[in-house]
Amino acid sequence: MMTKQPLPKEIYDSKNGLTYVLSGDYYLPMIEVPKNEHPIGKYGRMRMEYLKEHHPGKYINLLLSGRLYDHLVEVDECCTHMKLALVAETAKKQGITEELKVRDQMAWVGRMNNIDSSVEEFILSEYVYT
């Protein structure tokens, strides 16, 4: 009569760098959720949804390697800083000043909204949806 050898409690897969733990009859990957030091903002969330829908392989790779959160925070911070800088630079180039804001508030709001929309479109196409 053959005796059944017990399965090891943990196994390591050198191909993907993951450790698997025996749970019942199945081995499940040990994946740690990273500590969230910074919240993921608007652009990071948009990037995550884009990766899920259009690049699921890249999304899964980042998720399983533990780099997804860092990637999303980096995209969010980069896009946020770039938007602020581009809006200010474009407003300066177009001569939109505080004087205009005081003199004709509706014109100032309209022009700033146009700048904001065009900068937003640029950032999404170049950094989030790529």
N, C-alpha and C. Protein backbone atom coordinates (compact mmCIF):
# COMPACT_ATOMS: atom_id res chain seq x y z
N MET A 1 0.83 -1.17 0.00
CA MET A 1 0.00 0.00 0.00
C MET A 1 0.88 1.24 0.00
N MET A 2 0.56 2.20 -0.89
CA MET A 2 1.36 3.42 -1.00
C MET A 2 0.88 4.45 0.02
N THR A 3 1.84 5.13 0.62
CA THR A 3 1.47 6.21 1.53
C THR A 3 1.53 7.52 0.76
N LYS A 4 0.60 8.34 1.02
CA LYS A 4 0.50 9.63 0.34
C LYS A 4 1.43 10.63 1.01
N GLN A 5 2.32 11.23 0.22
CA GLN A 5 3.24 12.24 0.75
C GLN A 5 2.48 13.55 0.93
N PRO A 6 2.65 14.20 2.08
CA PRO A 6 1.97 15.49 2.26
C PRO A 6 2.59 16.55 1.35
N LEU A 7 1.75 17.43 0.86
CA LEU A 7 2.22 18.52 0.01
C LEU A 7 2.93 19.57 0.86
N PRO A 8 3.96 20.21 0.29
CA PRO A 8 4.62 21.26 1.06
C PRO A 8 3.66 22.42 1.31
N LYS A 9 3.81 23.08 2.46
CA LYS A 9 2.93 24.19 2.83
C LYS A 9 3.14 25.39 1.92
N GLU A 10 4.39 25.62 1.48
CA GLU A 10 4.71 26.75 0.61
C GLU A 10 5.60 26.28 -0.52
N ILE A 11 5.43 26.91 -1.68
CA ILE A 11 6.35 26.69 -2.79
C ILE A 11 6.71 28.04 -3.39
N TYR A 12 7.90 28.12 -3.95
CA TYR A 12 8.37 29.36 -4.56
C TYR A 12 8.55 29.14 -6.06
N ASP A 13 8.01 30.05 -6.86
CA ASP A 13 8.15 29.97 -8.31
C ASP A 13 9.17 31.01 -8.74
N SER A 14 10.34 30.54 -9.14
CA SER A 14 11.42 31.47 -9.52
C SER A 14 11.12 32.20 -10.83
N LYS A 15 10.22 31.68 -11.64
CA LYS A 15 9.90 32.34 -12.91
C LYS A 15 9.19 33.67 -12.70
N ASN A 16 8.25 33.71 -11.73
CA ASN A 16 7.51 34.95 -11.50
C ASN A 16 7.85 35.61 -10.16
N GLY A 17 8.66 34.95 -9.35
CA GLY A 17 9.08 35.52 -8.08
C GLY A 17 8.03 35.49 -6.99
N LEU A 18 7.01 34.64 -7.15
CA LEU A 18 5.93 34.58 -6.16
C LEU A 18 6.05 33.32 -5.31
N THR A 19 5.62 33.46 -4.06
CA THR A 19 5.51 32.33 -3.16
C THR A 19 4.04 31.95 -3.08
N TYR A 20 3.78 30.64 -3.11
CA TYR A 20 2.41 30.15 -3.06
C TYR A 20 2.22 29.36 -1.77
N VAL A 21 1.04 29.51 -1.16
CA VAL A 21 0.72 28.84 0.10
C VAL A 21 -0.41 27.85 -0.16
N LEU A 22 -0.28 26.66 0.41
CA LEU A 22 -1.30 25.63 0.25
C LEU A 22 -2.54 26.01 1.05
N SER A 23 -3.67 26.06 0.36
CA SER A 23 -4.94 26.37 1.00
C SER A 23 -5.94 25.32 0.52
N GLY A 24 -6.19 24.33 1.36
CA GLY A 24 -7.04 23.21 0.96
C GLY A 24 -6.29 22.39 -0.07
N ASP A 25 -6.84 22.27 -1.25
CA ASP A 25 -6.21 21.51 -2.34
C ASP A 25 -5.50 22.41 -3.34
N TYR A 26 -5.47 23.71 -3.09
CA TYR A 26 -4.94 24.65 -4.07
C TYR A 26 -3.80 25.48 -3.48
N TYR A 27 -2.90 25.88 -4.35
CA TYR A 27 -1.85 26.82 -3.96
C TYR A 27 -2.28 28.23 -4.39
N LEU A 28 -2.29 29.15 -3.44
CA LEU A 28 -2.67 30.53 -3.71
C LEU A 28 -1.45 31.43 -3.57
N PRO A 29 -1.32 32.44 -4.44
CA PRO A 29 -0.15 33.32 -4.34
C PRO A 29 -0.23 34.22 -3.11
N MET A 30 0.92 34.42 -2.49
CA MET A 30 1.01 35.34 -1.35
C MET A 30 1.31 36.73 -1.92
N ILE A 31 0.29 37.56 -1.95
CA ILE A 31 0.44 38.91 -2.49
C ILE A 31 0.13 39.88 -1.37
N GLU A 32 1.08 40.77 -1.12
CA GLU A 32 0.87 41.79 -0.09
C GLU A 32 0.31 43.04 -0.73
N VAL A 33 -0.66 43.62 -0.08
CA VAL A 33 -1.21 44.89 -0.54
C VAL A 33 -0.31 45.99 0.00
N PRO A 34 0.21 46.85 -0.86
CA PRO A 34 1.11 47.90 -0.39
C PRO A 34 0.40 48.89 0.52
N LYS A 35 1.15 49.46 1.44
CA LYS A 35 0.62 50.49 2.32
C LYS A 35 0.41 51.76 1.51
N ASN A 36 -0.76 52.32 1.58
CA ASN A 36 -1.08 53.51 0.82
C ASN A 36 -0.63 54.76 1.56
N GLU A 37 0.51 55.30 1.15
CA GLU A 37 1.00 56.53 1.77
C GLU A 37 0.35 57.74 1.14
N HIS A 38 0.11 57.67 -0.16
CA HIS A 38 -0.52 58.76 -0.89
C HIS A 38 -1.78 58.22 -1.55
N PRO A 39 -2.87 58.97 -1.48
CA PRO A 39 -4.06 58.50 -2.19
C PRO A 39 -3.85 58.61 -3.70
N ILE A 40 -4.49 57.73 -4.42
CA ILE A 40 -4.42 57.78 -5.87
C ILE A 40 -5.46 58.79 -6.34
N GLY A 41 -5.02 59.78 -7.07
CA GLY A 41 -5.92 60.84 -7.53
C GLY A 41 -6.62 60.51 -8.83
N LYS A 42 -7.20 61.54 -9.40
CA LYS A 42 -8.02 61.42 -10.61
C LYS A 42 -7.27 60.75 -11.75
N TYR A 43 -6.06 61.21 -12.06
CA TYR A 43 -5.33 60.68 -13.20
C TYR A 43 -4.86 59.25 -12.94
N GLY A 44 -4.50 58.92 -11.72
CA GLY A 44 -4.11 57.56 -11.37
C GLY A 44 -5.27 56.59 -11.53
N ARG A 45 -6.45 57.02 -11.10
CA ARG A 45 -7.64 56.15 -11.25
C ARG A 45 -8.01 55.97 -12.72
N MET A 46 -7.89 57.06 -13.49
CA MET A 46 -8.18 56.95 -14.92
C MET A 46 -7.19 56.01 -15.61
N ARG A 47 -5.93 56.09 -15.21
CA ARG A 47 -4.89 55.22 -15.78
C ARG A 47 -5.19 53.75 -15.45
N MET A 48 -5.61 53.50 -14.21
CA MET A 48 -5.91 52.14 -13.79
C MET A 48 -7.06 51.57 -14.62
N GLU A 49 -8.11 52.33 -14.82
CA GLU A 49 -9.24 51.87 -15.63
C GLU A 49 -8.82 51.63 -17.08
N TYR A 50 -7.97 52.50 -17.60
CA TYR A 50 -7.48 52.33 -18.97
C TYR A 50 -6.67 51.03 -19.09
N LEU A 51 -5.77 50.79 -18.13
CA LEU A 51 -4.97 49.56 -18.17
C LEU A 51 -5.85 48.33 -18.07
N LYS A 52 -6.81 48.35 -17.17
CA LYS A 52 -7.72 47.21 -17.01
C LYS A 52 -8.44 46.88 -18.32
N GLU A 53 -8.94 47.92 -18.98
CA GLU A 53 -9.76 47.72 -20.17
C GLU A 53 -8.95 47.45 -21.43
N HIS A 54 -7.84 48.17 -21.62
CA HIS A 54 -7.12 48.11 -22.90
C HIS A 54 -5.80 47.34 -22.85
N HIS A 55 -5.21 47.19 -21.67
CA HIS A 55 -3.94 46.46 -21.52
C HIS A 55 -4.00 45.56 -20.28
N PRO A 56 -4.89 44.56 -20.29
CA PRO A 56 -5.04 43.73 -19.09
C PRO A 56 -3.77 42.98 -18.70
N GLY A 57 -2.95 42.61 -19.67
CA GLY A 57 -1.70 41.92 -19.35
C GLY A 57 -0.75 42.80 -18.56
N LYS A 58 -0.60 44.03 -19.01
CA LYS A 58 0.26 44.98 -18.30
C LYS A 58 -0.30 45.28 -16.91
N TYR A 59 -1.63 45.42 -16.83
CA TYR A 59 -2.28 45.67 -15.54
C TYR A 59 -2.00 44.52 -14.56
N ILE A 60 -2.21 43.29 -15.00
CA ILE A 60 -1.99 42.12 -14.14
C ILE A 60 -0.52 42.02 -13.74
N ASN A 61 0.38 42.27 -14.69
CA ASN A 61 1.81 42.23 -14.40
C ASN A 61 2.18 43.23 -13.31
N LEU A 62 1.70 44.48 -13.44
CA LEU A 62 1.97 45.50 -12.42
C LEU A 62 1.34 45.12 -11.08
N LEU A 63 0.14 44.59 -11.13
CA LEU A 63 -0.56 44.21 -9.90
C LEU A 63 0.17 43.09 -9.16
N LEU A 64 0.53 42.03 -9.89
CA LEU A 64 1.16 40.88 -9.25
C LEU A 64 2.59 41.17 -8.80
N SER A 65 3.25 42.10 -9.47
CA SER A 65 4.62 42.43 -9.07
C SER A 65 4.65 43.44 -7.93
N GLY A 66 3.49 43.99 -7.57
CA GLY A 66 3.43 44.95 -6.48
C GLY A 66 3.81 46.37 -6.90
N ARG A 67 3.90 46.60 -8.21
CA ARG A 67 4.30 47.93 -8.69
C ARG A 67 3.13 48.77 -9.16
N LEU A 68 1.92 48.25 -9.15
CA LEU A 68 0.77 48.98 -9.68
C LEU A 68 0.52 50.28 -8.91
N TYR A 69 0.50 50.20 -7.60
CA TYR A 69 0.21 51.39 -6.79
C TYR A 69 1.24 52.49 -7.06
N ASP A 70 2.52 52.13 -7.07
CA ASP A 70 3.57 53.12 -7.33
C ASP A 70 3.42 53.73 -8.72
N HIS A 71 3.08 52.90 -9.69
CA HIS A 71 2.88 53.38 -11.06
C HIS A 71 1.73 54.39 -11.12
N LEU A 72 0.62 54.06 -10.45
CA LEU A 72 -0.55 54.95 -10.49
C LEU A 72 -0.28 56.26 -9.77
N VAL A 73 0.42 56.21 -8.64
CA VAL A 73 0.76 57.44 -7.92
C VAL A 73 1.69 58.30 -8.76
N GLU A 74 2.66 57.67 -9.42
CA GLU A 74 3.60 58.42 -10.26
C GLU A 74 2.88 59.10 -11.42
N VAL A 75 1.99 58.38 -12.09
CA VAL A 75 1.22 58.96 -13.20
C VAL A 75 0.38 60.12 -12.69
N ASP A 76 -0.28 59.92 -11.56
CA ASP A 76 -1.15 60.96 -11.01
C ASP A 76 -0.37 62.22 -10.65
N GLU A 77 0.75 62.05 -9.95
CA GLU A 77 1.55 63.21 -9.55
C GLU A 77 2.12 63.93 -10.76
N CYS A 78 2.62 63.18 -11.71
CA CYS A 78 3.19 63.77 -12.93
C CYS A 78 2.14 64.58 -13.68
N CYS A 79 0.97 64.00 -13.87
CA CYS A 79 -0.09 64.68 -14.61
C CYS A 79 -0.60 65.90 -13.87
N THR A 80 -0.75 65.81 -12.57
CA THR A 80 -1.23 66.94 -11.78
C THR A 80 -0.26 68.11 -11.86
N HIS A 81 1.03 67.84 -11.66
CA HIS A 81 2.03 68.91 -11.73
C HIS A 81 2.12 69.49 -13.14
N MET A 82 2.06 68.62 -14.13
CA MET A 82 2.15 69.09 -15.51
C MET A 82 0.95 69.96 -15.86
N LYS A 83 -0.24 69.58 -15.40
CA LYS A 83 -1.43 70.37 -15.71
C LYS A 83 -1.30 71.78 -15.11
N LEU A 84 -0.90 71.86 -13.85
CA LEU A 84 -0.74 73.16 -13.22
C LEU A 84 0.25 74.03 -13.98
N ALA A 85 1.37 73.44 -14.35
CA ALA A 85 2.41 74.19 -15.05
C ALA A 85 1.94 74.63 -16.44
N LEU A 86 1.31 73.72 -17.19
CA LEU A 86 0.87 74.06 -18.54
C LEU A 86 -0.26 75.09 -18.56
N VAL A 87 -1.17 75.01 -17.61
CA VAL A 87 -2.25 75.99 -17.55
C VAL A 87 -1.67 77.38 -17.26
N ALA A 88 -0.76 77.45 -16.29
CA ALA A 88 -0.14 78.75 -15.96
C ALA A 88 0.66 79.30 -17.13
N GLU A 89 1.44 78.44 -17.77
CA GLU A 89 2.26 78.87 -18.91
C GLU A 89 1.40 79.33 -20.09
N THR A 90 0.36 78.58 -20.39
CA THR A 90 -0.52 78.94 -21.50
C THR A 90 -1.27 80.23 -21.22
N ALA A 91 -1.74 80.40 -19.99
CA ALA A 91 -2.45 81.64 -19.63
C ALA A 91 -1.51 82.84 -19.77
N LYS A 92 -0.28 82.67 -19.36
CA LYS A 92 0.70 83.76 -19.47
C LYS A 92 0.95 84.09 -20.95
N LYS A 93 1.12 83.08 -21.78
CA LYS A 93 1.36 83.30 -23.21
C LYS A 93 0.18 83.98 -23.90
N GLN A 94 -1.03 83.68 -23.44
CA GLN A 94 -2.22 84.27 -24.05
C GLN A 94 -2.60 85.61 -23.42
N GLY A 95 -1.80 86.06 -22.46
CA GLY A 95 -2.04 87.37 -21.86
C GLY A 95 -3.22 87.41 -20.91
N ILE A 96 -3.54 86.30 -20.32
CA ILE A 96 -4.64 86.26 -19.36
C ILE A 96 -4.06 86.62 -17.99
N THR A 97 -4.47 87.77 -17.47
CA THR A 97 -3.88 88.31 -16.24
C THR A 97 -4.94 88.48 -15.16
N GLU A 98 -4.46 88.82 -13.97
CA GLU A 98 -5.37 89.14 -12.87
C GLU A 98 -6.15 90.41 -13.17
N GLU A 99 -5.55 91.29 -13.95
CA GLU A 99 -6.24 92.52 -14.35
C GLU A 99 -7.50 92.18 -15.17
N LEU A 100 -7.36 91.21 -16.09
CA LEU A 100 -8.51 90.76 -16.88
C LEU A 100 -9.56 90.15 -15.97
N LYS A 101 -9.12 89.41 -14.99
CA LYS A 101 -10.03 88.77 -14.05
C LYS A 101 -10.87 89.81 -13.30
N VAL A 102 -10.24 90.91 -12.92
CA VAL A 102 -10.94 91.97 -12.20
C VAL A 102 -11.85 92.75 -13.16
N ARG A 103 -11.34 93.04 -14.34
CA ARG A 103 -12.05 93.87 -15.31
C ARG A 103 -13.24 93.14 -15.95
N ASP A 104 -13.03 91.89 -16.38
CA ASP A 104 -14.08 91.14 -17.07
C ASP A 104 -14.01 89.67 -16.63
N GLN A 105 -14.67 89.40 -15.52
CA GLN A 105 -14.57 88.08 -14.90
C GLN A 105 -15.10 86.97 -15.81
N MET A 106 -16.17 87.21 -16.53
CA MET A 106 -16.74 86.18 -17.39
C MET A 106 -15.79 85.82 -18.54
N ALA A 107 -15.12 86.82 -19.10
CA ALA A 107 -14.15 86.56 -20.17
C ALA A 107 -12.98 85.75 -19.61
N TRP A 108 -12.53 86.13 -18.42
CA TRP A 108 -11.42 85.42 -17.79
C TRP A 108 -11.79 83.95 -17.56
N VAL A 109 -12.97 83.70 -17.01
CA VAL A 109 -13.43 82.33 -16.73
C VAL A 109 -13.52 81.53 -18.03
N GLY A 110 -14.09 82.12 -19.06
CA GLY A 110 -14.23 81.42 -20.34
C GLY A 110 -12.89 81.04 -20.93
N ARG A 111 -11.96 81.97 -20.92
CA ARG A 111 -10.63 81.70 -21.50
C ARG A 111 -9.87 80.67 -20.66
N MET A 112 -9.98 80.77 -19.34
CA MET A 112 -9.29 79.80 -18.47
C MET A 112 -9.91 78.41 -18.63
N ASN A 113 -11.21 78.33 -18.78
CA ASN A 113 -11.85 77.03 -19.00
C ASN A 113 -11.39 76.40 -20.31
N ASN A 114 -11.24 77.22 -21.36
CA ASN A 114 -10.74 76.71 -22.64
C ASN A 114 -9.32 76.17 -22.49
N ILE A 115 -8.49 76.91 -21.79
CA ILE A 115 -7.11 76.47 -21.56
C ILE A 115 -7.11 75.17 -20.76
N ASP A 116 -7.91 75.14 -19.69
CA ASP A 116 -7.97 73.95 -18.84
C ASP A 116 -8.40 72.73 -19.64
N SER A 117 -9.40 72.89 -20.49
CA SER A 117 -9.89 71.77 -21.30
C SER A 117 -8.84 71.27 -22.28
N SER A 118 -8.16 72.20 -22.94
CA SER A 118 -7.15 71.77 -23.93
C SER A 118 -5.95 71.11 -23.25
N VAL A 119 -5.53 71.62 -22.10
CA VAL A 119 -4.43 71.01 -21.36
C VAL A 119 -4.84 69.62 -20.86
N GLU A 120 -6.06 69.51 -20.36
CA GLU A 120 -6.57 68.22 -19.88
C GLU A 120 -6.56 67.19 -21.01
N GLU A 121 -7.03 67.58 -22.18
CA GLU A 121 -7.05 66.67 -23.33
C GLU A 121 -5.63 66.21 -23.70
N PHE A 122 -4.69 67.15 -23.69
CA PHE A 122 -3.30 66.81 -23.99
C PHE A 122 -2.75 65.81 -22.97
N ILE A 123 -2.96 66.07 -21.70
CA ILE A 123 -2.42 65.20 -20.65
C ILE A 123 -3.03 63.80 -20.74
N LEU A 124 -4.31 63.73 -20.95
CA LEU A 124 -4.95 62.41 -21.06
C LEU A 124 -4.41 61.62 -22.24
N SER A 125 -4.26 62.29 -23.38
CA SER A 125 -3.80 61.56 -24.58
C SER A 125 -2.33 61.18 -24.50
N GLU A 126 -1.52 61.99 -23.85
CA GLU A 126 -0.07 61.74 -23.82
C GLU A 126 0.41 60.91 -22.63
N TYR A 127 -0.29 60.97 -21.50
CA TYR A 127 0.22 60.33 -20.30
C TYR A 127 -0.70 59.27 -19.69
N VAL A 128 -2.00 59.45 -19.82
CA VAL A 128 -2.92 58.51 -19.17
C VAL A 128 -3.32 57.40 -20.11
N TYR A 129 -3.68 57.76 -21.34
CA TYR A 129 -4.19 56.77 -22.30
C TYR A 129 -3.12 56.35 -23.29
N THR A 130 -1.97 55.96 -22.79
CA THR A 130 -0.89 55.49 -23.66
C THR A 130 -0.43 54.11 -23.22
